[in-house]
């Protein structure tokens, strides 16, 4: 168990930083590209997306939770 403590600590430390990507240290260029893409979106993009959620939820309910295309 003593040998596992540093490993557990390192694993949990990643979780405290926010979004966790699978193998993010193996492909840092992918992590950087995703973060840049998310940050480049305008506030209007996020606002409109949030405002559309109730409409999409209603469609899901009407279709008995079937996949929406």
C-alpha atoms as a PDB file:
ATOM      1  CA  UNK A   1       0.000   0.000   0.000  1.00  0.00           C
ATOM      2  CA  UNK A   2       2.851   2.373   0.752  1.00  0.00           C
ATOM      3  CA  UNK A   3       4.111   1.993  -2.802  1.00  0.00           C
ATOM      4  CA  UNK A   4       0.697   2.881  -4.199  1.00  0.00           C
ATOM      5  CA  UNK A   5       0.305   6.176  -2.318  1.00  0.00           C
ATOM      6  CA  UNK A   6       2.447   8.260  -4.707  1.00  0.00           C
ATOM      7  CA  UNK A   7       0.663   6.740  -7.695  1.00  0.00           C
ATOM      8  CA  UNK A   8      -2.768   7.452  -6.217  1.00  0.00           C
ATOM      9  CA  UNK A   9      -1.735  11.006  -5.348  1.00  0.00           C
ATOM     10  CA  UNK A  10      -0.507  11.654  -8.898  1.00  0.00           C
ATOM     11  CA  UNK A  11      -3.720  10.272 -10.366  1.00  0.00           C
ATOM     12  CA  UNK A  12      -5.974  12.347  -8.117  1.00  0.00           C
ATOM     13  CA  UNK A  13      -3.886  15.471  -8.668  1.00  0.00           C
ATOM     14  CA  UNK A  14      -4.906  15.406 -12.344  1.00  0.00           C
ATOM     15  CA  UNK A  15      -8.565  15.473 -11.344  1.00  0.00           C
ATOM     16  CA  UNK A  16      -8.149  18.701  -9.397  1.00  0.00           C
ATOM     17  CA  UNK A  17      -7.144  20.628 -12.532  1.00  0.00           C
ATOM     18  CA  UNK A  18     -10.544  20.583 -14.210  1.00  0.00           C
ATOM     19  CA  UNK A  19     -11.133  18.792 -17.492  1.00  0.00           C
ATOM     20  CA  UNK A  20      -9.227  15.535 -17.689  1.00  0.00           C
ATOM     21  CA  UNK A  21      -8.299  14.084 -21.054  1.00  0.00           C
ATOM     22  CA  UNK A  22      -7.449  10.421 -21.430  1.00  0.00           C
ATOM     23  CA  UNK A  23      -3.682  10.206 -21.946  1.00  0.00           C
ATOM     24  CA  UNK A  24      -3.418  13.978 -22.117  1.00  0.00           C
ATOM     25  CA  UNK A  25       0.309  13.847 -21.465  1.00  0.00           C
ATOM     26  CA  UNK A  26       0.836  11.463 -24.361  1.00  0.00           C
ATOM     27  CA  UNK A  27      -0.738  13.918 -26.841  1.00  0.00           C
ATOM     28  CA  UNK A  28      -0.313  17.463 -25.518  1.00  0.00           C
ATOM     29  CA  UNK A  29      -0.901  18.900 -29.003  1.00  0.00           C
ATOM     30  CA  UNK A  30      -4.423  17.439 -28.993  1.00  0.00           C
ATOM     31  CA  UNK A  31      -5.197  18.911 -25.577  1.00  0.00           C
ATOM     32  CA  UNK A  32      -3.926  22.300 -26.722  1.00  0.00           C
ATOM     33  CA  UNK A  33      -6.004  22.185 -29.919  1.00  0.00           C
ATOM     34  CA  UNK A  34      -9.203  21.278 -28.034  1.00  0.00           C
ATOM     35  CA  UNK A  35      -8.669  23.998 -25.436  1.00  0.00           C
ATOM     36  CA  UNK A  36      -7.966  26.604 -28.130  1.00  0.00           C
ATOM     37  CA  UNK A  37     -11.100  25.584 -30.042  1.00  0.00           C
ATOM     38  CA  UNK A  38     -13.294  25.845 -26.945  1.00  0.00           C
ATOM     39  CA  UNK A  39     -11.815  29.201 -25.949  1.00  0.00           C
ATOM     40  CA  UNK A  40     -12.144  30.617 -29.477  1.00  0.00           C
ATOM     41  CA  UNK A  41     -15.930  30.299 -29.489  1.00  0.00           C
ATOM     42  CA  UNK A  42     -17.789  33.564 -28.967  1.00  0.00           C
ATOM     43  CA  UNK A  43     -20.046  34.072 -25.965  1.00  0.00           C
ATOM     44  CA  UNK A  44     -23.012  34.197 -28.351  1.00  0.00           C
ATOM     45  CA  UNK A  45     -22.237  30.631 -29.475  1.00  0.00           C
ATOM     46  CA  UNK A  46     -22.450  29.342 -25.896  1.00  0.00           C
ATOM     47  CA  UNK A  47     -25.523  31.444 -25.061  1.00  0.00           C
ATOM     48  CA  UNK A  48     -27.455  30.196 -28.096  1.00  0.00           C
ATOM     49  CA  UNK A  49     -26.485  26.616 -27.325  1.00  0.00           C
ATOM     50  CA  UNK A  50     -27.767  26.885 -23.774  1.00  0.00           C
ATOM     51  CA  UNK A  51     -30.979  28.558 -24.908  1.00  0.00           C
ATOM     52  CA  UNK A  52     -31.658  25.653 -27.318  1.00  0.00           C
ATOM     53  CA  UNK A  53     -31.398  23.015 -24.590  1.00  0.00           C
ATOM     54  CA  UNK A  54     -35.057  23.147 -23.428  1.00  0.00           C
ATOM     55  CA  UNK A  55     -36.217  22.718 -27.037  1.00  0.00           C
ATOM     56  CA  UNK A  56     -33.943  19.717 -27.528  1.00  0.00           C
ATOM     57  CA  UNK A  57     -34.986  18.197 -24.187  1.00  0.00           C
ATOM     58  CA  UNK A  58     -38.627  18.535 -25.258  1.00  0.00           C
ATOM     59  CA  UNK A  59     -37.844  16.618 -28.478  1.00  0.00           C
ATOM     60  CA  UNK A  60     -36.191  13.856 -26.469  1.00  0.00           C
ATOM     61  CA  UNK A  61     -39.235  13.556 -24.214  1.00  0.00           C
ATOM     62  CA  UNK A  62     -41.593  13.508 -27.208  1.00  0.00           C
ATOM     63  CA  UNK A  63     -39.560  10.732 -28.849  1.00  0.00           C
ATOM     64  CA  UNK A  64     -39.351   8.622 -25.682  1.00  0.00           C
ATOM     65  CA  UNK A  65     -35.631   9.321 -25.293  1.00  0.00           C
ATOM     66  CA  UNK A  66     -34.796   8.238 -28.842  1.00  0.00           C
ATOM     67  CA  UNK A  67     -31.690   9.650 -30.452  1.00  0.00           C
ATOM     68  CA  UNK A  68     -32.169  13.063 -32.072  1.00  0.00           C
ATOM     69  CA  UNK A  69     -30.468  13.764 -35.384  1.00  0.00           C
END
